[in-house]
Amino acid sequence: MFGISKNKVGRIANANGLKAPEGESNEYGRWIFSKSPHSSREVPSFIYSEAAVDWFKDYQDGVLLGRR
């Protein structure tokens, strides 16, 4: 969606305080357990909301315009 990796999205979200503490939710998303693609166990994953998508669009526009 933004031309960057999932890991990069996570690093930006962590650096800007978008993710709620594990097991909690906030306006930017919520934690769920999903099956790991490489094993049989479930792992916690943060699922982003539309508010987070809007935040990333604004963030990306700021980066492209040199404001960040």
C-alpha atoms as a PDB file:
ATOM      1  CA  MET A   1       0.000   0.000   0.000  1.00  0.00           C
ATOM      2  CA  PHE A   2       2.829   2.430   0.843  1.00  0.00           C
ATOM      3  CA  GLY A   3       5.710   0.824  -1.008  1.00  0.00           C
ATOM      4  CA  ILE A   4       7.574  -0.207   2.172  1.00  0.00           C
ATOM      5  CA  SER A   5       7.943  -3.513   4.010  1.00  0.00           C
ATOM      6  CA  LYS A   6       5.766  -4.690   6.914  1.00  0.00           C
ATOM      7  CA  ASN A   7       8.825  -4.422   9.161  1.00  0.00           C
ATOM      8  CA  LYS A   8       9.363  -0.795   8.172  1.00  0.00           C
ATOM      9  CA  VAL A   9       5.687  -0.010   8.911  1.00  0.00           C
ATOM     10  CA  GLY A  10       6.134  -1.584  12.355  1.00  0.00           C
ATOM     11  CA  ARG A  11       9.317   0.383  13.065  1.00  0.00           C
ATOM     12  CA  ILE A  12       7.649   3.672  12.086  1.00  0.00           C
ATOM     13  CA  ALA A  13       4.575   2.813  14.186  1.00  0.00           C
ATOM     14  CA  ASN A  14       6.723   1.943  17.212  1.00  0.00           C
ATOM     15  CA  ALA A  15       8.852   5.077  16.865  1.00  0.00           C
ATOM     16  CA  ASN A  16       5.733   7.254  16.786  1.00  0.00           C
ATOM     17  CA  GLY A  17       3.748   5.491  19.524  1.00  0.00           C
ATOM     18  CA  LEU A  18       0.958   4.164  17.306  1.00  0.00           C
ATOM     19  CA  LYS A  19       0.872   0.631  18.697  1.00  0.00           C
ATOM     20  CA  ALA A  20      -1.045  -0.051  21.895  1.00  0.00           C
ATOM     21  CA  PRO A  21       0.642  -2.180  24.557  1.00  0.00           C
ATOM     22  CA  GLU A  22       0.419  -5.868  23.673  1.00  0.00           C
ATOM     23  CA  GLY A  23      -3.033  -7.262  24.423  1.00  0.00           C
ATOM     24  CA  GLU A  24      -4.701  -3.846  24.316  1.00  0.00           C
ATOM     25  CA  SER A  25      -6.218  -1.682  21.588  1.00  0.00           C
ATOM     26  CA  ASN A  26      -6.320   2.002  20.689  1.00  0.00           C
ATOM     27  CA  GLU A  27      -7.567   4.240  17.886  1.00  0.00           C
ATOM     28  CA  TYR A  28      -4.826   2.952  15.561  1.00  0.00           C
ATOM     29  CA  GLY A  29      -5.528  -0.772  15.904  1.00  0.00           C
ATOM     30  CA  ARG A  30      -5.690  -3.847  18.079  1.00  0.00           C
ATOM     31  CA  TRP A  31      -3.722  -6.974  18.905  1.00  0.00           C
ATOM     32  CA  ILE A  32      -4.891 -10.387  17.705  1.00  0.00           C
ATOM     33  CA  PHE A  33      -3.376 -13.862  17.705  1.00  0.00           C
ATOM     34  CA  SER A  34      -2.720 -15.264  14.250  1.00  0.00           C
ATOM     35  CA  LYS A  35      -1.070 -18.426  13.033  1.00  0.00           C
ATOM     36  CA  SER A  36       2.559 -18.060  12.189  1.00  0.00           C
ATOM     37  CA  PRO A  37       3.198 -18.925   8.513  1.00  0.00           C
ATOM     38  CA  HIS A  38       6.408 -20.780   9.453  1.00  0.00           C
ATOM     39  CA  SER A  39       5.219 -22.877  12.411  1.00  0.00           C
ATOM     40  CA  SER A  40       2.105 -24.306  14.024  1.00  0.00           C
ATOM     41  CA  ARG A  41       1.943 -21.775  16.861  1.00  0.00           C
ATOM     42  CA  GLU A  42      -0.063 -18.585  17.175  1.00  0.00           C
ATOM     43  CA  VAL A  43       1.734 -15.257  17.521  1.00  0.00           C
ATOM     44  CA  PRO A  44       0.480 -11.791  18.511  1.00  0.00           C
ATOM     45  CA  SER A  45      -0.021  -9.427  15.578  1.00  0.00           C
ATOM     46  CA  PHE A  46      -1.035  -5.771  15.569  1.00  0.00           C
ATOM     47  CA  ILE A  47      -3.845  -5.054  13.101  1.00  0.00           C
ATOM     48  CA  TYR A  48      -3.994  -1.414  11.973  1.00  0.00           C
ATOM     49  CA  SER A  49      -7.267   0.538  11.703  1.00  0.00           C
ATOM     50  CA  GLU A  50      -8.318   3.077   9.071  1.00  0.00           C
ATOM     51  CA  ALA A  51      -7.082   5.832  11.419  1.00  0.00           C
ATOM     52  CA  ALA A  52      -3.596   4.307  11.198  1.00  0.00           C
ATOM     53  CA  VAL A  53      -3.806   4.130   7.405  1.00  0.00           C
ATOM     54  CA  ASP A  54      -4.728   7.833   7.345  1.00  0.00           C
ATOM     55  CA  TRP A  55      -1.850   8.593   9.751  1.00  0.00           C
ATOM     56  CA  PHE A  56       0.612   6.744   7.476  1.00  0.00           C
ATOM     57  CA  LYS A  57      -0.664   8.637   4.424  1.00  0.00           C
ATOM     58  CA  ASP A  58      -0.027  11.934   6.230  1.00  0.00           C
ATOM     59  CA  TYR A  59       3.362  10.660   7.446  1.00  0.00           C
ATOM     60  CA  GLN A  60       4.348   9.594   3.943  1.00  0.00           C
ATOM     61  CA  ASP A  61       3.280  12.949   2.494  1.00  0.00           C
ATOM     62  CA  GLY A  62       5.387  14.715   5.146  1.00  0.00           C
ATOM     63  CA  VAL A  63       8.415  12.553   4.364  1.00  0.00           C
ATOM     64  CA  LEU A  64       8.088  13.103   0.622  1.00  0.00           C
ATOM     65  CA  LEU A  65       7.797  16.857   1.153  1.00  0.00           C
ATOM     66  CA  GLY A  66      10.774  16.918   3.536  1.00  0.00           C
ATOM     67  CA  ARG A  67       8.757  17.761   6.650  1.00  0.00           C
ATOM     68  CA  ARG A  68       9.947  14.707   8.651  1.00  0.00           C
END
